[in-house]
Amino acid sequence: MMQTTDRVQLRTMKPSPTRLAGLVLFVLLTAATVYYAAFNARFITLPGAQEAREAAIPLTTGLILAGGQPYDLSSSPAITNVYGVVYNYLVAPAAKVWGSTFAVHRIASLVFLIASAVLLHALLRKENIGRSLALAGAAFFYLFNVTTYAIGARPDTLGTAIYLAVVMLVWPGGSKDKPPLAKLMLSIALGVLAFYTKPYFVLALALATAVLFVTYGWRWAAAYAASASALMAASIPLVLHFWPYYLFEVYTTHIHSEADPPGYYWLQTKDFLIMHAGLVLVLAGAGIVWMRKVAKTGSAPSTMGWPNAGLMCLLLALGALSRLGAHAGAFRIYWEQLVMPFLILVALRAVARSESQLRAVGLSLLAMNAVILLTWARPVWPADSTSERNAWQQLTADRPWQLLPPSLLPDVAPAGMPVIENGQMTYFANLAMEYLPQQDPAYQRVLQYLLKVRTLIWQRRFDVIVSPNDFRVFIPPHFLSEHYEPHLVTFSIYFADYNTPENYGVGQRSYVAWVRKPGPEHAWAGNISPPPATISPTGH
């Protein structure tokens, strides 16, 4: 009797090493993205400034909404903004509806960060990197940025989005023999706009020039560079017409800023290499494989050859850091904005074009980098500072005249509360007093401003004094103990420490809040002289 049923042997399919490594990478990146996104959302809701200079940005936007003029002596030096003004004008419509608060600006920073990740994804796809791997690159970009204070009320993520857009517009793609003229013109316009967002993002124009040189030759690169230089030169008189002290505040202040602490550049380099270890190892491995193939065949493989637009951008960005440095007030943030996008591009390009076994190794190294983001680099969950803020409000209720450090400035200053120091006044005041002649209007403005503050202190006009660094020299000896009562206040400030990422979120700052004792104004006890008629550039 014949057997009519065919038995089919089912063979168990074992996943390949490449698929397995890709699955592990997907799971780890998903877990990291969920945590980081939740952290980002929580950070947006934190009350008050969470970084020393964060208060300056909402105050600048508020000035614009009130019809004031930034970068003008009428608003300087109290409302100083050393970054750029494009971000403020873009956020202004939302701030007009919901208020010029930290939350509104932080949400805007998140929107621009997501836009940057989308642009990097598009750039990766232009390099023929698969959708899944390109999505992983965009996720890495988002995660790395959330470890920095770019997520605060700052123009950094907008600058990064413009930076990437400038380069992407000139990036080779398709079958055309030459780049579209409209894209080149838009790229140049955005490059100039990048300068007025945050000056160092003008590096995008240099990167775009390098991409054109590698792809289309020196004539295209020279024409692009000349056009960009001409538009930049033409924009400066126009900007100074509307904002007379724009370049003084935004550009000159950084030229004369203090030098970096010894060894600080290398401290940041170390942290960058640790945080991006997987990507760096992929890049190093790809370089070794390329050199071995060159040694074996005597010629460079076309898939990894030099010159390459991605490698050019990476090297130029690294070179720019040698000039920008890495000062203590911007820990690792320049690395993440300027270098990291092209590190991701070059590393993922190497993984995508590797043979199967090497691709599995590359994906495993990327998974290792995701583990670093989930462990060593993971942001600490922000502490609940509600009780601290409530205690401060009870202490300062009905006391609108407050001389405060920038980190204590509220979202919206109460009616009658003067803004004396917004976190960036030091740049403008010190530069004006040290580098400008005494007859210069900016010098006189700062001089009169500082004298006025000293007079207000001497007259006991302030209800509360939590002495900012800039005004400690203006408080006469024994003044506070005679006329004010001390109260110790402690605030959790997320980015209170710029040293290393693992210190973020655990920083607290303790202040002594001096509350004025009851009594009439000008009620002086003791032999304290009134403020002098003149003041030296150091404030004494």
Protein backbone atom coordinates (compact mmCIF):
# COMPACT_ATOMS: atom_id res chain seq x y z
CA MET A 1 0.00 0.00 0.00
CA MET A 2 1.43 3.33 -1.00
CA GLN A 3 1.79 6.15 1.50
CA THR A 4 -0.04 9.16 0.12
CA THR A 5 1.14 11.70 2.66
CA ASP A 6 4.44 13.43 1.91
CA ARG A 7 6.36 14.25 5.00
CA VAL A 8 8.04 17.59 4.75
CA GLN A 9 11.11 18.06 6.88
CA LEU A 10 11.02 21.52 8.43
CA ARG A 11 14.53 22.91 8.83
CA THR A 12 15.06 25.35 11.67
CA MET A 13 16.58 28.56 10.31
CA LYS A 14 19.27 29.98 12.54
CA PRO A 15 19.58 33.75 12.42
CA SER A 16 22.79 34.97 10.82
CA PRO A 17 25.30 36.89 12.99
CA THR A 18 24.45 40.05 11.07
CA ARG A 19 20.71 39.71 11.74
CA LEU A 20 21.32 38.88 15.38
CA ALA A 21 23.63 41.88 15.88
CA GLY A 22 21.10 44.11 14.13
CA LEU A 23 18.31 42.86 16.38
CA VAL A 24 20.35 43.50 19.53
CA LEU A 25 21.18 47.01 18.28
CA PHE A 26 17.48 47.68 17.59
CA VAL A 27 16.40 46.54 21.07
CA LEU A 28 19.11 48.57 22.85
CA LEU A 29 18.48 51.73 20.82
CA THR A 30 14.74 51.45 21.41
CA ALA A 31 15.26 51.14 25.18
CA ALA A 32 17.67 54.09 25.18
CA THR A 33 15.34 56.24 23.09
CA VAL A 34 12.39 55.58 25.40
CA TYR A 35 14.38 56.58 28.49
CA TYR A 36 16.02 59.61 26.90
CA ALA A 37 12.72 60.86 25.46
CA ALA A 38 11.06 60.56 28.87
CA PHE A 39 13.99 62.39 30.44
CA ASN A 40 13.79 65.10 27.77
CA ALA A 41 10.07 65.57 28.48
CA ARG A 42 10.72 65.81 32.20
CA PHE A 43 13.53 68.32 31.68
CA ILE A 44 11.19 70.61 29.74
CA THR A 45 8.93 70.93 32.80
CA LEU A 46 11.71 71.77 35.28
CA PRO A 47 11.12 75.18 36.90
CA GLY A 48 13.68 77.94 36.66
CA ALA A 49 17.02 78.06 34.88
CA GLN A 50 18.82 74.71 34.75
CA GLU A 51 22.09 76.12 33.44
CA ALA A 52 24.03 79.27 34.27
CA ARG A 53 23.23 81.18 31.06
CA GLU A 54 19.80 79.76 30.24
CA ALA A 55 17.89 82.77 31.61
CA ALA A 56 19.38 85.09 28.99
CA ILE A 57 17.44 83.50 26.12
CA PRO A 58 13.82 83.84 27.37
CA LEU A 59 14.65 87.38 28.52
CA THR A 60 15.86 88.27 25.01
CA THR A 61 12.68 86.82 23.48
CA GLY A 62 10.62 88.75 26.03
CA LEU A 63 12.44 91.93 25.07
CA ILE A 64 11.56 91.36 21.41
CA LEU A 65 7.90 90.76 22.26
CA ALA A 66 7.83 93.94 24.34
CA GLY A 67 9.03 95.95 21.35
CA GLY A 68 12.56 96.34 22.70
CA GLN A 69 15.72 96.20 20.66
CA PRO A 70 18.30 93.50 21.40
CA TYR A 71 21.96 94.33 20.82
CA ASP A 72 21.26 97.99 21.49
CA LEU A 73 22.57 100.14 24.34
CA SER A 74 19.00 100.70 25.50
CA SER A 75 18.82 97.04 26.59
CA SER A 76 22.48 96.47 27.44
CA PRO A 77 24.12 95.27 29.56
CA ALA A 78 21.24 93.72 31.56
CA ILE A 79 19.69 91.90 28.58
CA THR A 80 22.81 90.58 26.90
CA ASN A 81 22.77 87.67 24.45
CA VAL A 82 26.16 86.46 23.25
CA TYR A 83 24.79 83.68 21.03
CA GLY A 84 22.70 85.08 18.21
CA VAL A 85 19.14 86.16 17.62
CA VAL A 86 17.67 83.88 14.93
CA TYR A 87 16.47 81.38 17.55
CA ASN A 88 14.70 84.10 19.54
CA TYR A 89 12.79 85.42 16.54
CA LEU A 90 11.70 81.91 15.54
CA VAL A 91 10.46 81.15 19.06
CA ALA A 92 8.80 84.57 19.48
CA PRO A 93 5.42 83.60 17.89
CA ALA A 94 5.01 80.67 20.29
CA ALA A 95 6.21 82.81 23.20
CA LYS A 96 3.61 85.45 22.32
CA VAL A 97 0.88 82.83 22.82
CA TRP A 98 2.22 80.82 25.76
CA GLY A 99 4.70 83.23 27.30
CA SER A 100 8.46 83.62 27.06
CA THR A 101 9.07 80.74 29.46
CA PHE A 102 11.81 78.18 29.80
CA ALA A 103 9.35 75.43 28.81
CA VAL A 104 8.41 77.12 25.53
CA HIS A 105 12.06 77.56 24.57
CA ARG A 106 12.99 74.01 25.61
CA ILE A 107 10.17 72.60 23.48
CA ALA A 108 11.49 74.65 20.56
CA SER A 109 14.97 73.21 21.17
CA LEU A 110 13.48 69.70 21.07
CA VAL A 111 11.69 70.45 17.78
CA PHE A 112 14.93 71.70 16.22
CA LEU A 113 16.79 68.66 17.57
CA ILE A 114 14.30 66.31 15.93
CA ALA A 115 14.62 68.32 12.71
CA SER A 116 18.41 67.83 12.90
CA ALA A 117 17.98 64.07 13.33
CA VAL A 118 15.66 63.98 10.29
CA LEU A 119 18.23 65.89 8.23
CA LEU A 120 21.00 63.50 9.26
CA HIS A 121 18.77 60.57 8.32
CA ALA A 122 18.29 62.13 4.88
CA LEU A 123 22.04 62.62 4.54
CA LEU A 124 22.66 58.98 5.45
CA ARG A 125 20.13 57.86 2.87
CA LYS A 126 21.94 59.97 0.26
CA GLU A 127 24.97 57.81 1.01
CA ASN A 128 22.89 54.73 0.13
CA ILE A 129 22.80 53.55 3.74
CA GLY A 130 19.79 51.31 4.36
CA ARG A 131 16.69 52.62 6.09
CA SER A 132 17.21 50.65 9.31
CA LEU A 133 20.85 51.67 9.68
CA ALA A 134 20.06 55.28 8.78
CA LEU A 135 17.33 55.29 11.42
CA ALA A 136 19.85 53.97 13.93
CA GLY A 137 22.18 56.85 13.01
CA ALA A 138 19.41 59.40 13.58
CA ALA A 139 18.62 57.78 16.94
CA PHE A 140 22.28 57.96 17.98
CA PHE A 141 22.32 61.63 16.98
CA TYR A 142 19.30 62.40 19.18
CA LEU A 143 20.63 60.42 22.14
CA PHE A 144 24.09 62.00 22.09
CA ASN A 145 22.61 65.50 22.02
CA VAL A 146 20.30 64.86 24.95
CA THR A 147 23.38 64.22 27.09
CA THR A 148 24.29 67.90 26.66
CA TYR A 149 22.61 71.10 27.77
CA ALA A 150 21.61 71.82 24.17
CA ILE A 151 18.15 70.63 25.26
CA GLY A 152 17.76 73.79 27.34
CA ALA A 153 16.58 77.24 26.28
CA ARG A 154 19.47 77.73 23.86
CA PRO A 155 19.99 78.13 20.08
CA ASP A 156 22.29 75.10 19.77
CA THR A 157 19.86 72.61 18.21
CA LEU A 158 18.61 75.19 15.71
CA GLY A 159 22.21 75.94 14.74
CA THR A 160 22.88 72.22 14.29
CA ALA A 161 19.81 71.84 12.05
CA ILE A 162 20.95 74.71 9.83
CA TYR A 163 24.53 73.35 9.86
CA LEU A 164 23.34 70.00 8.52
CA ALA A 165 20.92 71.55 6.03
CA VAL A 166 23.71 73.64 4.47
CA VAL A 167 25.84 70.55 3.88
CA MET A 168 22.99 68.29 2.77
CA LEU A 169 21.90 70.74 0.06
CA VAL A 170 25.25 70.39 -1.73
CA TRP A 171 25.72 66.69 -1.01
CA PRO A 172 26.10 64.60 -4.19
CA GLY A 173 23.16 62.43 -5.15
CA GLY A 174 21.33 61.26 -8.23
CA SER A 175 22.73 61.23 -11.73
CA LYS A 176 23.11 64.95 -12.39
CA ASP A 177 26.50 66.16 -13.54
CA LYS A 178 26.27 69.39 -11.58
CA PRO A 179 24.44 70.57 -8.45
CA PRO A 180 21.18 72.50 -8.89
CA LEU A 181 21.80 76.25 -8.71
CA ALA A 182 18.73 76.80 -6.50
CA LYS A 183 20.08 74.39 -3.90
CA LEU A 184 23.46 76.11 -3.90
CA MET A 185 21.88 79.52 -3.37
CA LEU A 186 19.67 78.23 -0.55
CA SER A 187 22.71 76.55 1.04
CA ILE A 188 24.64 79.83 1.02
CA ALA A 189 21.72 81.77 2.48
CA LEU A 190 21.32 79.21 5.28
CA GLY A 191 25.07 79.26 5.93
CA VAL A 192 24.95 83.02 6.53
CA LEU A 193 21.89 82.50 8.73
CA ALA A 194 23.87 79.91 10.71
CA PHE A 195 26.38 82.61 11.63
CA TYR A 196 23.60 84.74 13.11
CA THR A 197 22.25 81.74 15.01
CA LYS A 198 25.55 80.91 16.69
CA PRO A 199 28.75 82.12 15.04
CA TYR A 200 30.72 78.88 14.84
CA PHE A 201 28.00 77.18 12.78
CA VAL A 202 29.30 79.23 9.84
CA LEU A 203 31.71 76.28 9.56
CA ALA A 204 28.92 74.71 7.47
CA LEU A 205 29.94 76.92 4.54
CA ALA A 206 33.51 75.60 4.70
CA LEU A 207 32.23 72.02 4.79
CA ALA A 208 29.92 72.66 1.84
CA THR A 209 32.85 74.13 -0.09
CA ALA A 210 34.90 71.01 0.64
CA VAL A 211 32.05 68.74 -0.51
CA LEU A 212 31.79 70.65 -3.79
CA PHE A 213 35.56 70.46 -4.25
CA VAL A 214 35.63 66.70 -3.77
CA THR A 215 32.55 66.07 -5.89
CA TYR A 216 32.57 68.65 -8.68
CA GLY A 217 36.04 70.22 -8.70
CA TRP A 218 37.74 73.41 -7.64
CA ARG A 219 35.77 75.78 -9.90
CA TRP A 220 32.46 74.92 -8.23
CA ALA A 221 34.07 75.18 -4.81
CA ALA A 222 35.68 78.55 -5.57
CA ALA A 223 32.44 80.00 -6.95
CA TYR A 224 30.51 78.80 -3.90
CA ALA A 225 33.07 80.20 -1.46
CA ALA A 226 33.18 83.56 -3.26
CA SER A 227 29.37 83.83 -3.30
CA ALA A 228 29.13 82.93 0.39
CA SER A 229 31.80 85.49 1.29
CA ALA A 230 30.02 88.19 -0.70
CA LEU A 231 26.65 87.53 0.93
CA MET A 232 28.23 87.45 4.39
CA ALA A 233 29.98 90.76 3.77
CA ALA A 234 26.75 92.32 2.48
CA SER A 235 24.78 91.10 5.50
CA ILE A 236 26.99 92.72 8.12
CA PRO A 237 26.06 96.40 7.47
CA LEU A 238 22.38 95.42 7.37
CA VAL A 239 22.60 93.58 10.69
CA LEU A 240 24.51 96.41 12.35
CA HIS A 241 21.87 98.86 11.14
CA PHE A 242 19.18 97.06 13.13
CA TRP A 243 21.38 95.75 15.96
CA PRO A 244 24.33 98.14 16.43
CA TYR A 245 26.23 96.06 18.98
CA TYR A 246 25.46 92.65 17.51
CA LEU A 247 29.00 91.76 16.48
CA PHE A 248 30.37 93.29 19.67
CA GLU A 249 28.22 91.06 21.87
CA VAL A 250 28.09 87.90 19.77
CA TYR A 251 31.49 87.75 18.07
CA THR A 252 34.02 90.01 19.77
CA THR A 253 33.16 88.76 23.26
CA HIS A 254 34.22 85.24 22.33
CA ILE A 255 37.42 86.42 20.69
CA HIS A 256 38.50 88.00 23.98
CA SER A 257 36.98 85.39 26.31
CA GLU A 258 39.11 83.70 28.91
CA ALA A 259 41.42 80.87 27.89
CA ASP A 260 40.45 77.27 28.46
CA PRO A 261 41.69 75.60 31.65
CA PRO A 262 44.91 73.61 31.11
CA GLY A 263 44.18 70.15 29.78
CA TYR A 264 40.47 70.81 29.39
CA TYR A 265 40.47 70.12 25.67
CA TRP A 266 41.90 66.67 26.26
CA LEU A 267 39.48 66.01 29.11
CA GLN A 268 36.62 66.58 26.68
CA THR A 269 38.33 64.49 24.01
CA LYS A 270 38.55 61.59 26.46
CA ASP A 271 34.87 61.83 27.34
CA PHE A 272 33.90 62.09 23.68
CA LEU A 273 35.92 58.97 22.83
CA ILE A 274 34.37 57.02 25.71
CA MET A 275 30.81 58.06 24.86
CA HIS A 276 31.28 57.33 21.13
CA ALA A 277 33.55 54.30 21.60
CA GLY A 278 31.53 52.02 19.32
CA LEU A 279 31.48 54.50 16.45
CA VAL A 280 35.18 55.31 16.90
CA LEU A 281 36.11 51.60 16.87
CA VAL A 282 34.04 51.07 13.71
CA LEU A 283 35.90 53.93 12.06
CA ALA A 284 39.29 52.62 13.21
CA GLY A 285 38.45 49.10 12.02
CA ALA A 286 37.32 50.39 8.64
CA GLY A 287 40.58 52.28 8.30
CA ILE A 288 42.60 49.15 9.05
CA VAL A 289 40.63 47.10 6.53
CA TRP A 290 41.11 49.83 3.90
CA MET A 291 44.88 49.99 4.48
CA ARG A 292 45.19 46.20 4.28
CA LYS A 293 43.35 46.19 0.94
CA VAL A 294 45.57 48.98 -0.36
CA ALA A 295 48.68 47.06 0.73
CA LYS A 296 47.39 43.87 -0.86
CA THR A 297 46.11 45.22 -4.18
CA GLY A 298 48.19 48.36 -4.53
CA SER A 299 45.11 50.52 -5.14
CA ALA A 300 42.36 52.00 -2.98
CA PRO A 301 38.97 50.26 -3.11
CA SER A 302 36.38 52.54 -4.68
CA THR A 303 33.90 51.97 -1.84
CA MET A 304 36.25 53.36 0.79
CA GLY A 305 38.59 55.52 -1.20
CA TRP A 306 39.92 59.01 -0.61
CA PRO A 307 38.97 61.77 -1.10
CA ASN A 308 35.51 61.23 0.37
CA ALA A 309 33.01 63.96 1.25
CA GLY A 310 32.12 62.46 4.63
CA LEU A 311 35.74 62.06 5.68
CA MET A 312 36.54 65.59 4.50
CA CYS A 313 33.74 67.01 6.66
CA LEU A 314 34.84 64.94 9.65
CA LEU A 315 38.45 66.10 9.39
CA LEU A 316 37.49 69.75 8.86
CA ALA A 317 35.18 69.64 11.89
CA LEU A 318 37.97 68.17 14.00
CA GLY A 319 40.31 70.88 12.76
CA ALA A 320 37.79 73.57 13.71
CA LEU A 321 37.76 72.28 17.28
CA SER A 322 41.46 73.04 17.61
CA ARG A 323 40.52 76.71 17.18
CA LEU A 324 37.26 76.72 19.05
CA GLY A 325 38.74 74.83 21.94
CA ALA A 326 36.50 73.43 24.59
CA HIS A 327 36.06 75.97 27.33
CA ALA A 328 34.59 74.96 30.67
CA GLY A 329 31.27 76.60 29.89
CA ALA A 330 30.61 74.40 26.86
CA PHE A 331 31.62 70.92 27.89
CA ARG A 332 31.68 68.54 24.90
CA ILE A 333 28.85 70.39 23.19
CA TYR A 334 31.01 71.54 20.25
CA TRP A 335 32.06 67.94 19.67
CA GLU A 336 28.47 66.75 19.52
CA GLN A 337 27.32 69.52 17.21
CA LEU A 338 30.20 69.77 14.76
CA VAL A 339 31.96 66.39 14.76
CA MET A 340 29.44 63.76 15.81
CA PRO A 341 27.10 63.95 12.75
CA PHE A 342 29.97 63.14 10.39
CA LEU A 343 31.43 60.52 12.72
CA ILE A 344 28.05 58.77 12.52
CA LEU A 345 27.95 59.18 8.73
CA VAL A 346 31.43 57.80 8.08
CA ALA A 347 31.08 54.93 10.58
CA LEU A 348 27.67 53.83 9.31
CA ARG A 349 28.82 54.11 5.71
CA ALA A 350 31.66 51.73 6.55
CA VAL A 351 29.26 49.27 8.20
CA ALA A 352 26.80 49.41 5.30
CA ARG A 353 29.51 48.67 2.71
CA SER A 354 31.27 45.93 4.65
CA GLU A 355 31.18 42.24 3.86
CA SER A 356 28.74 40.13 5.88
CA GLN A 357 31.05 39.06 8.71
CA LEU A 358 32.58 42.50 9.10
CA ARG A 359 29.09 44.03 9.06
CA ALA A 360 28.14 41.83 12.01
CA VAL A 361 31.20 43.10 13.90
CA GLY A 362 30.30 46.71 13.06
CA LEU A 363 26.71 46.29 14.23
CA SER A 364 27.98 44.69 17.45
CA LEU A 365 30.21 47.71 18.09
CA LEU A 366 27.23 50.01 17.52
CA ALA A 367 25.26 47.91 20.00
CA MET A 368 28.12 48.38 22.46
CA ASN A 369 27.79 52.13 21.97
CA ALA A 370 24.08 51.86 22.78
CA VAL A 371 25.04 50.06 26.02
CA ILE A 372 27.31 53.00 26.92
CA LEU A 373 24.37 55.37 26.41
CA LEU A 374 22.22 53.19 28.66
CA THR A 375 24.83 53.01 31.44
CA TRP A 376 27.75 55.42 31.78
CA ALA A 377 26.25 58.27 29.78
CA ARG A 378 22.60 57.87 30.79
CA PRO A 379 21.19 61.17 32.13
CA VAL A 380 20.31 61.11 35.81
CA TRP A 381 16.58 61.57 36.35
CA PRO A 382 16.02 65.18 37.51
CA ALA A 383 15.31 65.67 41.20
CA ASP A 384 11.98 67.12 42.26
CA SER A 385 12.67 70.71 43.32
CA THR A 386 9.07 71.65 44.14
CA SER A 387 9.75 72.00 47.87
CA GLU A 388 12.81 74.15 47.19
CA ARG A 389 10.88 76.48 44.91
CA ASN A 390 7.93 76.69 47.33
CA ALA A 391 10.26 77.62 50.18
CA TRP A 392 11.86 80.30 47.99
CA GLN A 393 8.48 81.75 47.02
CA GLN A 394 7.40 81.90 50.66
CA LEU A 395 10.63 83.64 51.61
CA THR A 396 10.42 86.22 48.83
CA ALA A 397 6.65 86.77 48.65
CA ASP A 398 5.77 90.48 48.30
CA ARG A 399 9.45 91.31 47.84
CA PRO A 400 9.68 92.19 44.14
CA TRP A 401 13.00 94.05 44.21
CA GLN A 402 15.52 91.23 44.09
CA LEU A 403 19.17 91.18 43.10
CA LEU A 404 19.59 87.57 41.97
CA PRO A 405 22.12 85.35 40.21
CA PRO A 406 20.92 84.15 36.79
CA SER A 407 20.14 80.61 37.94
CA LEU A 408 17.46 81.94 40.31
CA LEU A 409 15.65 84.08 37.76
CA PRO A 410 12.06 82.81 37.37
CA ASP A 411 10.25 82.08 34.12
CA VAL A 412 8.58 85.47 34.08
CA ALA A 413 9.86 88.16 36.42
CA PRO A 414 7.13 89.45 38.78
CA ALA A 415 5.85 92.94 38.15
CA GLY A 416 8.31 95.48 39.44
CA MET A 417 11.20 93.03 39.67
CA PRO A 418 14.26 94.40 37.87
CA VAL A 419 16.48 92.14 35.81
CA ILE A 420 19.99 93.09 36.83
CA GLU A 421 22.08 90.14 35.60
CA ASN A 422 20.83 87.57 33.08
CA GLY A 423 23.86 85.29 32.98
CA GLN A 424 25.68 86.91 30.09
CA MET A 425 26.16 90.47 31.31
CA THR A 426 29.73 89.63 32.27
CA TYR A 427 30.70 89.27 28.62
CA PHE A 428 29.41 92.67 27.57
CA ALA A 429 30.42 94.63 30.69
CA ASN A 430 33.95 93.27 31.00
CA LEU A 431 34.64 93.63 27.29
CA ALA A 432 33.37 97.21 27.17
CA MET A 433 35.33 98.31 30.24
CA GLU A 434 38.54 96.59 29.20
CA TYR A 435 38.75 97.10 25.44
CA LEU A 436 36.75 100.22 24.59
CA PRO A 437 37.96 103.81 25.05
CA GLN A 438 36.30 105.71 27.88
CA GLN A 439 34.51 108.05 25.49
CA ASP A 440 32.80 105.13 23.71
CA PRO A 441 29.02 105.09 24.35
CA ALA A 442 29.12 101.41 25.36
CA TYR A 443 31.84 102.11 27.94
CA GLN A 444 29.81 104.96 29.40
CA ARG A 445 26.64 102.88 29.39
CA VAL A 446 28.25 100.07 31.37
CA LEU A 447 29.93 102.51 33.74
CA GLN A 448 26.66 104.28 34.54
CA TYR A 449 24.84 100.99 34.85
CA LEU A 450 27.26 99.60 37.40
CA LEU A 451 27.21 102.84 39.37
CA LYS A 452 23.43 102.77 39.41
CA VAL A 453 23.37 99.24 40.80
CA ARG A 454 25.87 100.19 43.49
CA THR A 455 23.72 103.18 44.39
CA LEU A 456 20.62 101.02 44.68
CA ILE A 457 22.49 98.64 46.98
CA TRP A 458 23.75 101.51 49.12
CA GLN A 459 20.21 102.91 49.36
CA ARG A 460 18.84 99.54 50.55
CA ARG A 461 16.39 99.47 47.65
CA PHE A 462 16.64 95.72 47.21
CA ASP A 463 14.28 93.58 49.27
CA VAL A 464 16.40 90.47 48.71
CA ILE A 465 20.04 90.14 47.71
CA VAL A 466 21.54 86.84 46.59
CA SER A 467 24.77 88.30 45.39
CA PRO A 468 25.63 87.45 41.80
CA ASN A 469 29.33 87.14 41.02
CA ASP A 470 29.24 90.34 38.99
CA PHE A 471 28.02 92.45 41.88
CA ARG A 472 29.84 91.10 44.91
CA VAL A 473 32.38 93.91 44.62
CA PHE A 474 29.57 96.47 44.82
CA ILE A 475 28.29 95.37 48.23
CA PRO A 476 30.11 97.41 50.93
CA PRO A 477 31.78 95.53 53.82
CA HIS A 478 29.48 94.62 56.72
CA PHE A 479 26.54 95.96 54.75
CA LEU A 480 24.55 92.74 54.54
CA SER A 481 24.96 91.69 58.16
CA GLU A 482 23.87 95.12 59.39
CA HIS A 483 20.82 95.60 57.20
CA TYR A 484 19.80 92.12 56.01
CA GLU A 485 18.97 88.77 57.57
CA PRO A 486 20.64 85.66 56.07
CA HIS A 487 18.66 82.62 54.91
CA LEU A 488 20.38 79.57 53.42
CA VAL A 489 18.63 78.32 50.27
CA THR A 490 19.59 75.31 48.14
CA PHE A 491 18.46 74.65 44.59
CA SER A 492 18.83 71.60 42.37
CA ILE A 493 20.20 72.78 39.03
CA TYR A 494 20.56 70.05 36.45
CA PHE A 495 23.60 71.43 34.63
CA ALA A 496 25.23 72.96 37.68
CA ASP A 497 28.46 71.07 36.91
CA TYR A 498 30.12 71.18 33.49
CA ASN A 499 32.90 68.73 34.22
CA THR A 500 31.71 65.31 33.06
CA PRO A 501 28.37 63.85 31.95
CA GLU A 502 28.03 61.63 35.02
CA ASN A 503 27.89 64.77 37.18
CA TYR A 504 24.88 66.15 35.32
CA GLY A 505 21.70 66.00 37.34
CA VAL A 506 23.33 65.70 40.76
CA GLY A 507 24.41 69.33 41.05
CA GLN A 508 23.06 71.60 43.74
CA ARG A 509 23.90 75.19 44.47
CA SER A 510 23.56 76.73 47.89
CA TYR A 511 22.98 80.44 48.26
CA VAL A 512 22.63 82.85 51.13
CA ALA A 513 19.54 84.96 50.55
CA TRP A 514 19.83 88.24 52.44
CA VAL A 515 16.36 89.61 53.23
CA ARG A 516 16.16 93.29 54.17
CA LYS A 517 15.38 94.01 57.80
CA PRO A 518 12.41 96.27 58.59
CA GLY A 519 13.26 99.94 58.55
CA PRO A 520 13.28 103.02 56.36
CA GLU A 521 15.43 103.23 53.29
CA HIS A 522 18.82 104.90 53.67
CA ALA A 523 18.80 103.81 57.36
CA TRP A 524 22.48 103.31 57.79
CA ALA A 525 24.22 102.17 60.93
CA GLY A 526 27.96 102.38 61.04
CA ASN A 527 30.51 104.33 59.09
CA ILE A 528 29.89 103.27 55.49
CA SER A 529 30.66 105.71 52.72
CA PRO A 530 28.30 106.26 49.79
CA PRO A 531 29.31 104.87 46.38
CA PRO A 532 32.13 106.72 44.63
CA ALA A 533 31.49 109.03 41.73
CA THR A 534 33.74 106.96 39.51
CA ILE A 535 34.48 103.28 39.22
CA SER A 536 37.44 101.36 37.85
CA PRO A 537 37.11 98.77 35.07
CA THR A 538 37.43 96.00 37.68
CA GLY A 539 34.40 97.27 39.57
CA HIS A 540 36.23 98.68 42.61
